[in-house]
Amino acid sequence: MDPERIRAVEEWLPPQDVHQLQVFLGFANFFRRFIKNYSRIAAPLLNLLKTGKNKKEIGVKVRQTNVVPPPFPLSETALEAFKALKEAFTSAPLLRYFDENKPMRVETDASAFAIGGILTQQFEIDGHLHWLPVAYYSKKLLDMETRYGTGEQELFAIVEAMHHWRHYCRGARHPIVVLTDHANLVWFMTTPNLTRRQLKWAKKLAEYDFNET
């Protein structure tokens, strides 16, 4: 990010209304691919947009009773999310260009309300090989998806990340290394008793050549 934009981000004040929040999140969305676990970090702010219409309707009803509606201060949780995104904008590592000749590694993560992943490749720096980020992925879980068990959410994160990066992962020249809970993935790939949803995931994963570790 150029110095002028970094300074603008550092001076960005917390949103005071829905419009200001939309402007900030619009900017954030443009840079989301550079930020690990973007959806998880931004969730408290994104949730405010879901209730924006309700808040507006409530404000109208309050004004009709001659009671001044409260201002739009962010909650402590939302303010921390705002600060975390600002910090991520100014400190996110530069992504490397994807090289189809280099091995790939996919590392995923799952929480109660979001999944994320990082795609890395090996690059030589000062005579040593390092796994460096090529792309980030994150997704806020739908209500139905938040009800998955921990093991299923971890598997879902792998399926979604591989599908998101399918243009890189399909036909990879080297088996893709997947960093995850070994037991969960082995069970998933070997058990004959899969649910309809899990069968759909297995079909998607069958498109890729990968090893778990």
N, C-alpha and C. Protein backbone atom coordinates (compact mmCIF):
# COMPACT_ATOMS: atom_id res chain seq x y z
N MET A 1 0.85 -1.18 0.00
CA MET A 1 0.00 0.00 0.00
C MET A 1 0.89 1.24 0.00
N ASP A 2 0.55 2.24 -0.80
CA ASP A 2 1.40 3.42 -0.91
C ASP A 2 1.31 4.27 0.36
N PRO A 3 2.36 5.11 0.64
CA PRO A 3 2.41 5.89 1.88
C PRO A 3 1.20 6.80 2.09
N GLU A 4 0.70 7.42 1.01
CA GLU A 4 -0.45 8.31 1.16
C GLU A 4 -1.67 7.55 1.66
N ARG A 5 -1.86 6.36 1.13
CA ARG A 5 -3.03 5.56 1.54
C ARG A 5 -2.85 5.06 2.97
N ILE A 6 -1.62 4.71 3.33
CA ILE A 6 -1.37 4.26 4.70
C ILE A 6 -1.70 5.37 5.69
N ARG A 7 -1.28 6.60 5.37
CA ARG A 7 -1.56 7.72 6.26
C ARG A 7 -3.06 7.96 6.37
N ALA A 8 -3.76 7.83 5.25
CA ALA A 8 -5.22 8.02 5.26
C ALA A 8 -5.90 6.98 6.15
N VAL A 9 -5.41 5.75 6.10
CA VAL A 9 -5.98 4.68 6.92
C VAL A 9 -5.70 4.95 8.40
N GLU A 10 -4.48 5.35 8.70
CA GLU A 10 -4.11 5.61 10.09
C GLU A 10 -4.96 6.73 10.70
N GLU A 11 -5.37 7.68 9.87
CA GLU A 11 -6.15 8.83 10.36
C GLU A 11 -7.66 8.60 10.28
N TRP A 12 -8.07 7.42 9.79
CA TRP A 12 -9.50 7.13 9.62
C TRP A 12 -10.17 7.04 10.99
N LEU A 13 -11.20 7.84 11.20
CA LEU A 13 -11.92 7.84 12.47
C LEU A 13 -13.01 6.78 12.48
N PRO A 14 -13.40 6.29 13.64
CA PRO A 14 -14.46 5.28 13.73
C PRO A 14 -15.75 5.78 13.09
N PRO A 15 -16.46 4.93 12.35
CA PRO A 15 -17.73 5.32 11.72
C PRO A 15 -18.74 5.79 12.76
N GLN A 16 -19.50 6.83 12.38
CA GLN A 16 -20.51 7.38 13.27
C GLN A 16 -21.93 7.08 12.81
N ASP A 17 -22.07 6.49 11.62
CA ASP A 17 -23.39 6.11 11.13
C ASP A 17 -23.22 4.98 10.12
N VAL A 18 -24.34 4.46 9.65
CA VAL A 18 -24.30 3.31 8.73
C VAL A 18 -23.57 3.64 7.44
N HIS A 19 -23.79 4.84 6.91
CA HIS A 19 -23.13 5.22 5.65
C HIS A 19 -21.61 5.22 5.81
N GLN A 20 -21.11 5.80 6.89
CA GLN A 20 -19.67 5.81 7.12
C GLN A 20 -19.12 4.40 7.28
N LEU A 21 -19.90 3.54 7.93
CA LEU A 21 -19.49 2.15 8.09
C LEU A 21 -19.42 1.45 6.74
N GLN A 22 -20.40 1.71 5.87
CA GLN A 22 -20.40 1.12 4.53
C GLN A 22 -19.20 1.56 3.72
N VAL A 23 -18.83 2.84 3.84
CA VAL A 23 -17.66 3.36 3.12
C VAL A 23 -16.40 2.64 3.59
N PHE A 24 -16.26 2.50 4.91
CA PHE A 24 -15.07 1.85 5.45
C PHE A 24 -15.00 0.38 5.03
N LEU A 25 -16.12 -0.32 5.12
CA LEU A 25 -16.12 -1.74 4.75
C LEU A 25 -15.94 -1.92 3.25
N GLY A 26 -16.40 -0.96 2.46
CA GLY A 26 -16.16 -1.02 1.02
C GLY A 26 -14.67 -0.94 0.72
N PHE A 27 -13.97 -0.06 1.42
CA PHE A 27 -12.53 0.04 1.29
C PHE A 27 -11.87 -1.25 1.76
N ALA A 28 -12.34 -1.76 2.91
CA ALA A 28 -11.77 -2.98 3.48
C ALA A 28 -11.93 -4.16 2.53
N ASN A 29 -13.09 -4.26 1.90
CA ASN A 29 -13.36 -5.38 1.01
C ASN A 29 -12.40 -5.40 -0.18
N PHE A 30 -11.96 -4.23 -0.61
CA PHE A 30 -11.03 -4.14 -1.74
C PHE A 30 -9.70 -4.80 -1.39
N PHE A 31 -9.31 -4.76 -0.10
CA PHE A 31 -8.02 -5.30 0.32
C PHE A 31 -8.14 -6.63 1.06
N ARG A 32 -9.32 -7.23 1.06
CA ARG A 32 -9.53 -8.42 1.88
C ARG A 32 -8.62 -9.58 1.51
N ARG A 33 -8.23 -9.68 0.24
CA ARG A 33 -7.40 -10.82 -0.16
C ARG A 33 -5.99 -10.72 0.41
N PHE A 34 -5.62 -9.56 0.93
CA PHE A 34 -4.31 -9.39 1.53
C PHE A 34 -4.32 -9.64 3.05
N ILE A 35 -5.50 -9.86 3.61
CA ILE A 35 -5.63 -9.92 5.07
C ILE A 35 -6.08 -11.30 5.50
N LYS A 36 -5.28 -11.93 6.32
CA LYS A 36 -5.61 -13.26 6.82
C LYS A 36 -6.81 -13.17 7.76
N ASN A 37 -7.75 -14.10 7.58
CA ASN A 37 -8.95 -14.17 8.43
C ASN A 37 -9.77 -12.88 8.41
N TYR A 38 -9.89 -12.30 7.23
CA TYR A 38 -10.62 -11.03 7.10
C TYR A 38 -12.05 -11.15 7.64
N SER A 39 -12.77 -12.20 7.24
CA SER A 39 -14.18 -12.32 7.65
C SER A 39 -14.33 -12.40 9.16
N ARG A 40 -13.41 -13.09 9.80
CA ARG A 40 -13.48 -13.22 11.26
C ARG A 40 -13.23 -11.86 11.92
N ILE A 41 -12.24 -11.14 11.42
CA ILE A 41 -11.92 -9.83 12.01
C ILE A 41 -13.07 -8.85 11.81
N ALA A 42 -13.63 -8.86 10.60
CA ALA A 42 -14.64 -7.86 10.24
C ALA A 42 -16.05 -8.21 10.72
N ALA A 43 -16.26 -9.41 11.22
CA ALA A 43 -17.61 -9.88 11.57
C ALA A 43 -18.40 -8.91 12.46
N PRO A 44 -17.81 -8.36 13.53
CA PRO A 44 -18.60 -7.43 14.37
C PRO A 44 -19.10 -6.21 13.61
N LEU A 45 -18.34 -5.75 12.61
CA LEU A 45 -18.76 -4.60 11.81
C LEU A 45 -19.79 -5.01 10.76
N LEU A 46 -19.57 -6.15 10.14
CA LEU A 46 -20.51 -6.63 9.13
C LEU A 46 -21.88 -6.90 9.75
N ASN A 47 -21.88 -7.38 10.98
CA ASN A 47 -23.15 -7.66 11.65
C ASN A 47 -23.97 -6.40 11.88
N LEU A 48 -23.30 -5.26 12.02
CA LEU A 48 -24.02 -4.00 12.21
C LEU A 48 -24.83 -3.63 10.98
N LEU A 49 -24.32 -3.98 9.80
CA LEU A 49 -25.05 -3.67 8.57
C LEU A 49 -26.32 -4.49 8.46
N LYS A 50 -26.30 -5.69 9.02
CA LYS A 50 -27.49 -6.55 8.97
C LYS A 50 -28.66 -5.92 9.71
N THR A 51 -28.34 -5.19 10.77
CA THR A 51 -29.40 -4.61 11.59
C THR A 51 -29.61 -3.13 11.30
N GLY A 52 -28.95 -2.63 10.26
CA GLY A 52 -29.06 -1.21 9.93
C GLY A 52 -30.48 -0.77 9.68
N LYS A 53 -31.24 -1.55 8.91
CA LYS A 53 -32.63 -1.18 8.59
C LYS A 53 -33.48 -1.16 9.85
N ASN A 54 -33.27 -2.17 10.70
CA ASN A 54 -34.05 -2.22 11.93
C ASN A 54 -33.76 -1.01 12.81
N LYS A 55 -32.47 -0.63 12.86
CA LYS A 55 -32.10 0.52 13.69
C LYS A 55 -32.75 1.78 13.16
N LYS A 56 -32.82 1.90 11.83
CA LYS A 56 -33.43 3.09 11.24
C LYS A 56 -34.91 3.15 11.59
N GLU A 57 -35.58 2.00 11.49
CA GLU A 57 -37.01 1.98 11.81
C GLU A 57 -37.23 2.31 13.29
N ILE A 58 -36.36 1.78 14.14
CA ILE A 58 -36.49 2.07 15.57
C ILE A 58 -36.30 3.56 15.82
N GLY A 59 -35.33 4.16 15.11
CA GLY A 59 -35.07 5.59 15.27
C GLY A 59 -36.29 6.41 14.93
N VAL A 60 -37.01 6.04 13.87
CA VAL A 60 -38.22 6.77 13.48
C VAL A 60 -39.26 6.68 14.59
N LYS A 61 -39.45 5.49 15.14
CA LYS A 61 -40.45 5.32 16.19
C LYS A 61 -40.07 6.12 17.43
N VAL A 62 -38.76 6.16 17.73
CA VAL A 62 -38.31 6.91 18.90
C VAL A 62 -38.56 8.39 18.72
N ARG A 63 -38.27 8.91 17.52
CA ARG A 63 -38.46 10.34 17.26
C ARG A 63 -39.94 10.72 17.38
N GLN A 64 -40.82 9.79 16.99
CA GLN A 64 -42.24 10.08 17.07
C GLN A 64 -42.72 10.22 18.51
N THR A 65 -41.92 9.71 19.46
CA THR A 65 -42.28 9.85 20.87
C THR A 65 -41.51 10.99 21.53
N ASN A 66 -40.85 11.82 20.67
CA ASN A 66 -40.11 13.00 21.14
C ASN A 66 -38.92 12.65 22.04
N VAL A 67 -38.39 11.45 21.87
CA VAL A 67 -37.19 11.05 22.61
C VAL A 67 -36.03 11.06 21.63
N VAL A 68 -34.96 11.75 21.96
CA VAL A 68 -33.81 11.84 21.06
C VAL A 68 -33.13 10.48 20.97
N PRO A 69 -32.96 9.93 19.76
CA PRO A 69 -32.32 8.62 19.62
C PRO A 69 -30.84 8.71 19.97
N PRO A 70 -30.26 7.65 20.44
CA PRO A 70 -28.84 7.66 20.79
C PRO A 70 -27.97 7.80 19.55
N PRO A 71 -26.71 8.26 19.72
CA PRO A 71 -25.79 8.36 18.59
C PRO A 71 -25.38 6.97 18.12
N PHE A 72 -24.40 6.89 17.22
CA PHE A 72 -23.98 5.61 16.64
C PHE A 72 -22.58 5.23 17.14
N PRO A 73 -22.31 5.19 18.41
CA PRO A 73 -20.97 4.78 18.82
C PRO A 73 -20.80 3.28 18.62
N LEU A 74 -19.64 2.87 18.16
CA LEU A 74 -19.37 1.45 18.02
C LEU A 74 -19.22 0.82 19.40
N SER A 75 -19.68 -0.40 19.54
CA SER A 75 -19.46 -1.13 20.78
C SER A 75 -17.97 -1.40 20.92
N GLU A 76 -17.57 -1.84 22.09
CA GLU A 76 -16.15 -2.13 22.31
C GLU A 76 -15.66 -3.21 21.35
N THR A 77 -16.50 -4.22 21.13
CA THR A 77 -16.12 -5.30 20.21
C THR A 77 -15.98 -4.79 18.79
N ALA A 78 -16.94 -3.97 18.34
CA ALA A 78 -16.88 -3.43 16.98
C ALA A 78 -15.71 -2.47 16.82
N LEU A 79 -15.42 -1.70 17.85
CA LEU A 79 -14.30 -0.75 17.78
C LEU A 79 -12.98 -1.50 17.69
N GLU A 80 -12.86 -2.61 18.41
CA GLU A 80 -11.65 -3.43 18.33
C GLU A 80 -11.50 -4.00 16.92
N ALA A 81 -12.62 -4.40 16.31
CA ALA A 81 -12.57 -4.91 14.93
C ALA A 81 -12.12 -3.81 13.97
N PHE A 82 -12.63 -2.60 14.16
CA PHE A 82 -12.24 -1.46 13.33
C PHE A 82 -10.74 -1.21 13.44
N LYS A 83 -10.22 -1.21 14.67
CA LYS A 83 -8.79 -0.98 14.88
C LYS A 83 -7.95 -2.12 14.30
N ALA A 84 -8.45 -3.35 14.44
CA ALA A 84 -7.70 -4.50 13.92
C ALA A 84 -7.60 -4.46 12.40
N LEU A 85 -8.68 -4.04 11.73
CA LEU A 85 -8.64 -3.92 10.28
C LEU A 85 -7.68 -2.82 9.84
N LYS A 86 -7.70 -1.70 10.53
CA LYS A 86 -6.77 -0.62 10.20
C LYS A 86 -5.32 -1.10 10.34
N GLU A 87 -5.05 -1.83 11.41
CA GLU A 87 -3.70 -2.36 11.62
C GLU A 87 -3.33 -3.35 10.51
N ALA A 88 -4.29 -4.18 10.12
CA ALA A 88 -4.03 -5.16 9.06
C ALA A 88 -3.75 -4.48 7.73
N PHE A 89 -4.45 -3.39 7.44
CA PHE A 89 -4.23 -2.67 6.18
C PHE A 89 -2.79 -2.17 6.06
N THR A 90 -2.25 -1.70 7.16
CA THR A 90 -0.94 -1.05 7.12
C THR A 90 0.22 -2.00 7.36
N SER A 91 -0.08 -3.25 7.77
CA SER A 91 1.00 -4.18 8.08
C SER A 91 0.90 -5.51 7.33
N ALA A 92 -0.11 -5.68 6.49
CA ALA A 92 -0.27 -6.95 5.77
C ALA A 92 0.93 -7.23 4.89
N PRO A 93 1.46 -8.47 4.91
CA PRO A 93 2.61 -8.79 4.07
C PRO A 93 2.23 -8.78 2.60
N LEU A 94 3.20 -8.44 1.77
CA LEU A 94 2.94 -8.45 0.34
C LEU A 94 2.77 -9.88 -0.14
N LEU A 95 1.76 -10.11 -0.95
CA LEU A 95 1.55 -11.44 -1.50
C LEU A 95 2.52 -11.69 -2.65
N ARG A 96 3.01 -12.91 -2.72
CA ARG A 96 3.88 -13.31 -3.82
C ARG A 96 3.03 -13.71 -5.02
N TYR A 97 3.60 -13.59 -6.20
CA TYR A 97 2.91 -14.06 -7.39
C TYR A 97 2.93 -15.58 -7.42
N PHE A 98 1.80 -16.16 -7.79
CA PHE A 98 1.71 -17.61 -7.87
C PHE A 98 2.63 -18.14 -8.95
N ASP A 99 3.34 -19.23 -8.63
CA ASP A 99 4.25 -19.88 -9.57
C ASP A 99 3.81 -21.33 -9.72
N GLU A 100 3.31 -21.69 -10.89
CA GLU A 100 2.77 -23.05 -11.09
C GLU A 100 3.83 -24.13 -10.96
N ASN A 101 5.10 -23.77 -10.99
CA ASN A 101 6.17 -24.76 -10.88
C ASN A 101 6.55 -25.05 -9.43
N LYS A 102 6.07 -24.27 -8.51
CA LYS A 102 6.44 -24.44 -7.11
C LYS A 102 5.39 -25.26 -6.35
N PRO A 103 5.82 -26.01 -5.33
CA PRO A 103 4.87 -26.74 -4.50
C PRO A 103 3.92 -25.77 -3.79
N MET A 104 2.75 -26.27 -3.43
CA MET A 104 1.75 -25.46 -2.73
C MET A 104 1.43 -26.06 -1.36
N ARG A 105 1.09 -25.19 -0.45
CA ARG A 105 0.65 -25.63 0.86
C ARG A 105 -0.61 -24.86 1.23
N VAL A 106 -1.63 -25.57 1.70
CA VAL A 106 -2.89 -24.95 2.11
C VAL A 106 -3.08 -25.18 3.60
N GLU A 107 -3.25 -24.09 4.32
CA GLU A 107 -3.50 -24.17 5.75
C GLU A 107 -4.83 -23.48 6.04
N THR A 108 -5.71 -24.17 6.74
CA THR A 108 -7.04 -23.63 6.99
C THR A 108 -7.32 -23.53 8.49
N ASP A 109 -8.35 -22.77 8.79
CA ASP A 109 -8.73 -22.54 10.18
C ASP A 109 -10.24 -22.36 10.23
N ALA A 110 -10.85 -22.76 11.33
CA ALA A 110 -12.30 -22.61 11.50
C ALA A 110 -12.60 -22.12 12.90
N SER A 111 -13.60 -21.26 13.00
CA SER A 111 -14.06 -20.78 14.31
C SER A 111 -15.57 -20.94 14.35
N ALA A 112 -16.19 -20.41 15.37
CA ALA A 112 -17.63 -20.56 15.53
C ALA A 112 -18.42 -19.83 14.46
N PHE A 113 -17.82 -18.81 13.82
CA PHE A 113 -18.60 -18.01 12.87
C PHE A 113 -17.87 -17.69 11.57
N ALA A 114 -16.65 -18.23 11.38
CA ALA A 114 -15.92 -17.94 10.14
C ALA A 114 -14.90 -19.03 9.86
N ILE A 115 -14.54 -19.15 8.59
CA ILE A 115 -13.47 -20.05 8.19
C ILE A 115 -12.46 -19.23 7.40
N GLY A 116 -11.25 -19.72 7.34
CA GLY A 116 -10.22 -18.99 6.60
C GLY A 116 -9.13 -19.93 6.14
N GLY A 117 -8.30 -19.43 5.25
CA GLY A 117 -7.20 -20.24 4.76
C GLY A 117 -6.09 -19.37 4.19
N ILE A 118 -4.92 -19.97 4.08
CA ILE A 118 -3.79 -19.29 3.48
C ILE A 118 -3.09 -20.25 2.51
N LEU A 119 -2.83 -19.78 1.32
CA LEU A 119 -2.13 -20.56 0.30
C LEU A 119 -0.70 -20.05 0.24
N THR A 120 0.27 -20.94 0.48
CA THR A 120 1.66 -20.54 0.47
C THR A 120 2.46 -21.38 -0.53
N GLN A 121 3.58 -20.83 -0.96
CA GLN A 121 4.53 -21.54 -1.82
C GLN A 121 5.94 -21.27 -1.31
N GLN A 122 6.86 -22.13 -1.70
CA GLN A 122 8.24 -21.97 -1.27
C GLN A 122 9.00 -21.02 -2.18
N PHE A 123 9.63 -20.03 -1.55
CA PHE A 123 10.46 -19.08 -2.29
C PHE A 123 11.82 -18.99 -1.61
N GLU A 124 12.83 -18.81 -2.42
CA GLU A 124 14.19 -18.71 -1.88
C GLU A 124 14.52 -17.27 -1.52
N ILE A 125 14.96 -17.07 -0.29
CA ILE A 125 15.39 -15.76 0.18
C ILE A 125 16.74 -15.93 0.88
N ASP A 126 17.75 -15.25 0.37
CA ASP A 126 19.11 -15.33 0.94
C ASP A 126 19.59 -16.77 1.07
N GLY A 127 19.30 -17.56 0.05
CA GLY A 127 19.79 -18.93 0.03
C GLY A 127 18.98 -19.91 0.84
N HIS A 128 17.86 -19.47 1.43
CA HIS A 128 17.02 -20.36 2.23
C HIS A 128 15.60 -20.36 1.69
N LEU A 129 14.95 -21.53 1.76
CA LEU A 129 13.57 -21.65 1.29
C LEU A 129 12.59 -21.27 2.41
N HIS A 130 11.59 -20.48 2.05
CA HIS A 130 10.57 -20.05 3.00
C HIS A 130 9.19 -20.23 2.38
N TRP A 131 8.22 -20.66 3.21
CA TRP A 131 6.83 -20.71 2.76
C TRP A 131 6.25 -19.31 2.92
N LEU A 132 5.87 -18.70 1.81
CA LEU A 132 5.37 -17.33 1.82
C LEU A 132 3.96 -17.26 1.24
N PRO A 133 3.14 -16.31 1.70
CA PRO A 133 1.74 -16.25 1.26
C PRO A 133 1.57 -15.85 -0.20
N VAL A 134 0.71 -16.58 -0.88
CA VAL A 134 0.32 -16.27 -2.25
C VAL A 134 -1.10 -15.71 -2.26
N ALA A 135 -1.95 -16.22 -1.37
CA ALA A 135 -3.35 -15.76 -1.31
C ALA A 135 -3.94 -16.09 0.05
N TYR A 136 -4.90 -15.26 0.45
CA TYR A 136 -5.69 -15.51 1.65
C TYR A 136 -7.15 -15.72 1.24
N TYR A 137 -7.86 -16.48 2.09
CA TYR A 137 -9.29 -16.67 1.85
C TYR A 137 -10.00 -16.65 3.20
N SER A 138 -11.16 -16.03 3.23
CA SER A 138 -11.97 -16.07 4.45
C SER A 138 -13.44 -15.97 4.07
N LYS A 139 -14.28 -16.53 4.91
CA LYS A 139 -15.72 -16.55 4.64
C LYS A 139 -16.46 -16.56 5.97
N LYS A 140 -17.42 -15.67 6.08
CA LYS A 140 -18.29 -15.66 7.26
C LYS A 140 -19.32 -16.76 7.10
N LEU A 141 -19.47 -17.60 8.10
CA LEU A 141 -20.38 -18.73 8.00
C LEU A 141 -21.84 -18.29 8.04
N LEU A 142 -22.65 -18.98 7.25
CA LEU A 142 -24.09 -18.79 7.31
C LEU A 142 -24.61 -19.41 8.60
N ASP A 143 -25.81 -19.03 8.99
CA ASP A 143 -26.38 -19.55 10.24
C ASP A 143 -26.38 -21.07 10.26
N MET A 144 -26.75 -21.69 9.14
CA MET A 144 -26.79 -23.14 9.08
C MET A 144 -25.39 -23.74 9.26
N GLU A 145 -24.38 -23.08 8.68
CA GLU A 145 -23.01 -23.59 8.73
C GLU A 145 -22.41 -23.47 10.13
N THR A 146 -22.90 -22.50 10.92
CA THR A 146 -22.38 -22.37 12.28
C THR A 146 -22.81 -23.54 13.16
N ARG A 147 -23.78 -24.32 12.70
CA ARG A 147 -24.26 -25.45 13.48
C ARG A 147 -23.46 -26.72 13.20
N TYR A 148 -22.54 -26.68 12.24
CA TYR A 148 -21.69 -27.84 11.99
C TYR A 148 -20.84 -28.10 13.24
N GLY A 149 -20.50 -29.37 13.45
CA GLY A 149 -19.58 -29.70 14.52
C GLY A 149 -18.18 -29.18 14.21
N THR A 150 -17.30 -29.18 15.20
CA THR A 150 -15.95 -28.66 15.01
C THR A 150 -15.22 -29.38 13.89
N GLY A 151 -15.30 -30.71 13.87
CA GLY A 151 -14.64 -31.47 12.82
C GLY A 151 -15.18 -31.14 11.45
N GLU A 152 -16.50 -31.01 11.35
CA GLU A 152 -17.10 -30.67 10.05
C GLU A 152 -16.71 -29.27 9.60
N GLN A 153 -16.63 -28.34 10.52
CA GLN A 153 -16.23 -26.99 10.14
C GLN A 153 -14.79 -26.97 9.62
N GLU A 154 -13.92 -27.76 10.24
CA GLU A 154 -12.54 -27.83 9.78
C GLU A 154 -12.48 -28.41 8.37
N LEU A 155 -13.27 -29.43 8.12
CA LEU A 155 -13.32 -30.03 6.78
C LEU A 155 -13.94 -29.06 5.77
N PHE A 156 -14.98 -28.38 6.19
CA PHE A 156 -15.64 -27.40 5.33
C PHE A 156 -14.66 -26.30 4.92
N ALA A 157 -13.80 -25.90 5.85
CA ALA A 157 -12.79 -24.87 5.55
C ALA A 157 -11.86 -25.34 4.44
N ILE A 158 -11.46 -26.61 4.48
CA ILE A 158 -10.58 -27.15 3.44
C ILE A 158 -11.29 -27.16 2.09
N VAL A 159 -12.52 -27.67 2.09
CA VAL A 159 -13.29 -27.75 0.85
C VAL A 159 -13.48 -26.37 0.22
N GLU A 160 -13.87 -25.40 1.03
CA GLU A 160 -14.13 -24.06 0.52
C GLU A 160 -12.85 -23.38 0.04
N ALA A 161 -11.76 -23.55 0.77
CA ALA A 161 -10.50 -22.92 0.38
C ALA A 161 -9.99 -23.52 -0.93
N MET A 162 -10.02 -24.84 -1.05
CA MET A 162 -9.55 -25.49 -2.28
C MET A 162 -10.42 -25.07 -3.46
N HIS A 163 -11.72 -24.98 -3.24
CA HIS A 163 -12.61 -24.56 -4.33
C HIS A 163 -12.34 -23.11 -4.71
N HIS A 164 -12.11 -22.27 -3.72
CA HIS A 164 -11.83 -20.86 -4.01
C HIS A 164 -10.56 -20.71 -4.84
N TRP A 165 -9.57 -21.55 -4.56
CA TRP A 165 -8.29 -21.50 -5.29
C TRP A 165 -8.21 -22.58 -6.37
N ARG A 166 -9.35 -23.02 -6.88
CA ARG A 166 -9.37 -24.12 -7.83
C ARG A 166 -8.55 -23.81 -9.08
N HIS A 167 -8.47 -22.55 -9.47
CA HIS A 167 -7.70 -22.19 -10.66
C HIS A 167 -6.21 -22.42 -10.42
N TYR A 168 -5.79 -22.48 -9.16
CA TYR A 168 -4.41 -22.83 -8.83
C TYR A 168 -4.27 -24.33 -8.57
N CYS A 169 -5.25 -24.90 -7.88
CA CYS A 169 -5.11 -26.25 -7.33
C CYS A 169 -5.39 -27.37 -8.33
N ARG A 170 -6.29 -27.14 -9.27
CA ARG A 170 -6.59 -28.19 -10.24
C ARG A 170 -5.38 -28.39 -11.16
N GLY A 171 -4.98 -29.63 -11.32
CA GLY A 171 -3.86 -29.92 -12.20
C GLY A 171 -2.52 -29.46 -11.68
N ALA A 172 -2.40 -29.31 -10.35
CA ALA A 172 -1.14 -28.86 -9.76
C ALA A 172 -0.01 -29.84 -10.12
N ARG A 173 1.17 -29.30 -10.35
CA ARG A 173 2.31 -30.13 -10.76
C ARG A 173 2.89 -30.93 -9.59
N HIS A 174 2.59 -30.51 -8.39
CA HIS A 174 3.04 -31.22 -7.19
C HIS A 174 1.82 -31.48 -6.30
N PRO A 175 1.79 -32.60 -5.58
CA PRO A 175 0.69 -32.81 -4.64
C PRO A 175 0.62 -31.64 -3.65
N ILE A 176 -0.58 -31.15 -3.42
CA ILE A 176 -0.78 -30.02 -2.50
C ILE A 176 -0.71 -30.53 -1.06
N VAL A 177 0.05 -29.85 -0.24
CA VAL A 177 0.15 -30.21 1.17
C VAL A 177 -0.95 -29.47 1.93
N VAL A 178 -1.81 -30.22 2.61
CA VAL A 178 -2.90 -29.62 3.39
C VAL A 178 -2.56 -29.77 4.87
N LEU A 179 -2.42 -28.65 5.55
CA LEU A 179 -2.14 -28.66 6.99
C LEU A 179 -3.45 -28.60 7.74
N THR A 180 -3.78 -29.67 8.44
CA THR A 180 -5.06 -29.73 9.15
C THR A 180 -5.00 -30.81 10.20
N ASP A 181 -6.11 -31.00 10.90
CA ASP A 181 -6.22 -32.09 11.85
C ASP A 181 -6.21 -33.40 11.07
N HIS A 182 -5.12 -34.13 11.17
CA HIS A 182 -4.93 -35.34 10.37
C HIS A 182 -6.07 -36.34 10.56
N ALA A 183 -6.48 -36.55 11.79
CA ALA A 183 -7.50 -37.56 12.08
C ALA A 183 -8.82 -37.24 11.41
N ASN A 184 -9.23 -35.98 11.44
CA ASN A 184 -10.50 -35.59 10.82
C ASN A 184 -10.50 -35.86 9.33
N LEU A 185 -9.41 -35.49 8.65
CA LEU A 185 -9.37 -35.64 7.20
C LEU A 185 -9.26 -37.11 6.81
N VAL A 186 -8.47 -37.90 7.54
CA VAL A 186 -8.34 -39.33 7.24
C VAL A 186 -9.70 -40.01 7.40
N TRP A 187 -10.41 -39.70 8.48
CA TRP A 187 -11.74 -40.28 8.67
C TRP A 187 -12.66 -39.90 7.52
N PHE A 188 -12.63 -38.65 7.15
CA PHE A 188 -13.51 -38.15 6.10
C PHE A 188 -13.24 -38.83 4.77
N MET A 189 -11.96 -39.07 4.45
CA MET A 189 -11.60 -39.64 3.16
C MET A 189 -11.73 -41.16 3.11
N THR A 190 -11.94 -41.81 4.26
CA THR A 190 -11.96 -43.27 4.27
C THR A 190 -13.28 -43.88 4.75
N THR A 191 -14.07 -43.15 5.52
CA THR A 191 -15.30 -43.73 6.05
C THR A 191 -16.34 -43.92 4.96
N PRO A 192 -17.07 -45.05 4.99
CA PRO A 192 -18.14 -45.26 4.00
C PRO A 192 -19.46 -44.63 4.43
N ASN A 193 -19.51 -44.12 5.65
CA ASN A 193 -20.77 -43.60 6.19
C ASN A 193 -20.78 -42.08 6.21
N LEU A 194 -20.89 -41.50 5.03
CA LEU A 194 -20.92 -40.05 4.91
C LEU A 194 -22.35 -39.56 4.72
N THR A 195 -22.63 -38.38 5.23
CA THR A 195 -23.92 -37.76 4.99
C THR A 195 -23.97 -37.22 3.57
N ARG A 196 -25.14 -36.80 3.14
CA ARG A 196 -25.27 -36.24 1.80
C ARG A 196 -24.36 -35.02 1.62
N ARG A 197 -24.30 -34.19 2.65
CA ARG A 197 -23.45 -33.00 2.59
C ARG A 197 -21.98 -33.40 2.48
N GLN A 198 -21.57 -34.37 3.28
CA GLN A 198 -20.18 -34.81 3.26
C GLN A 198 -19.81 -35.48 1.94
N LEU A 199 -20.76 -36.19 1.34
CA LEU A 199 -20.51 -36.79 0.03
C LEU A 199 -20.25 -35.71 -1.02
N LYS A 200 -20.97 -34.61 -0.92
CA LYS A 200 -20.77 -33.49 -1.82
C LYS A 200 -19.37 -32.91 -1.65
N TRP A 201 -18.93 -32.80 -0.39
CA TRP A 201 -17.57 -32.30 -0.13
C TRP A 201 -16.52 -33.25 -0.69
N ALA A 202 -16.74 -34.56 -0.48
CA ALA A 202 -15.78 -35.55 -0.96
C ALA A 202 -15.63 -35.48 -2.48
N LYS A 203 -16.74 -35.27 -3.16
CA LYS A 203 -16.71 -35.15 -4.62
C LYS A 203 -15.88 -33.94 -5.04
N LYS A 204 -16.01 -32.83 -4.32
CA LYS A 204 -15.22 -31.64 -4.64
C LYS A 204 -13.74 -31.88 -4.41
N LEU A 205 -13.40 -32.52 -3.28
CA LEU A 205 -12.00 -32.75 -2.96
C LEU A 205 -11.34 -33.75 -3.90
N ALA A 206 -12.15 -34.63 -4.50
CA ALA A 206 -11.60 -35.62 -5.43
C ALA A 206 -11.00 -34.98 -6.67
N GLU A 207 -11.29 -33.70 -6.90
CA GLU A 207 -10.75 -32.99 -8.07
C GLU A 207 -9.29 -32.60 -7.89
N TYR A 208 -8.77 -32.75 -6.65
CA TYR A 208 -7.42 -32.25 -6.36
C TYR A 208 -6.49 -33.36 -5.90
N ASP A 209 -5.22 -33.19 -6.20
CA ASP A 209 -4.18 -34.11 -5.75
C ASP A 209 -3.52 -33.49 -4.52
N PHE A 210 -3.76 -34.07 -3.35
CA PHE A 210 -3.21 -33.47 -2.14
C PHE A 210 -2.83 -34.53 -1.12
N ASN A 211 -1.95 -34.14 -0.22
CA ASN A 211 -1.55 -34.96 0.92
C ASN A 211 -1.81 -34.17 2.19
N GLU A 212 -2.32 -34.84 3.22
CA GLU A 212 -2.57 -34.14 4.48
C GLU A 212 -1.38 -34.33 5.42
N THR A 213 -1.16 -33.35 6.26
CA THR A 213 -0.09 -33.44 7.24
C THR A 213 -0.47 -32.66 8.49
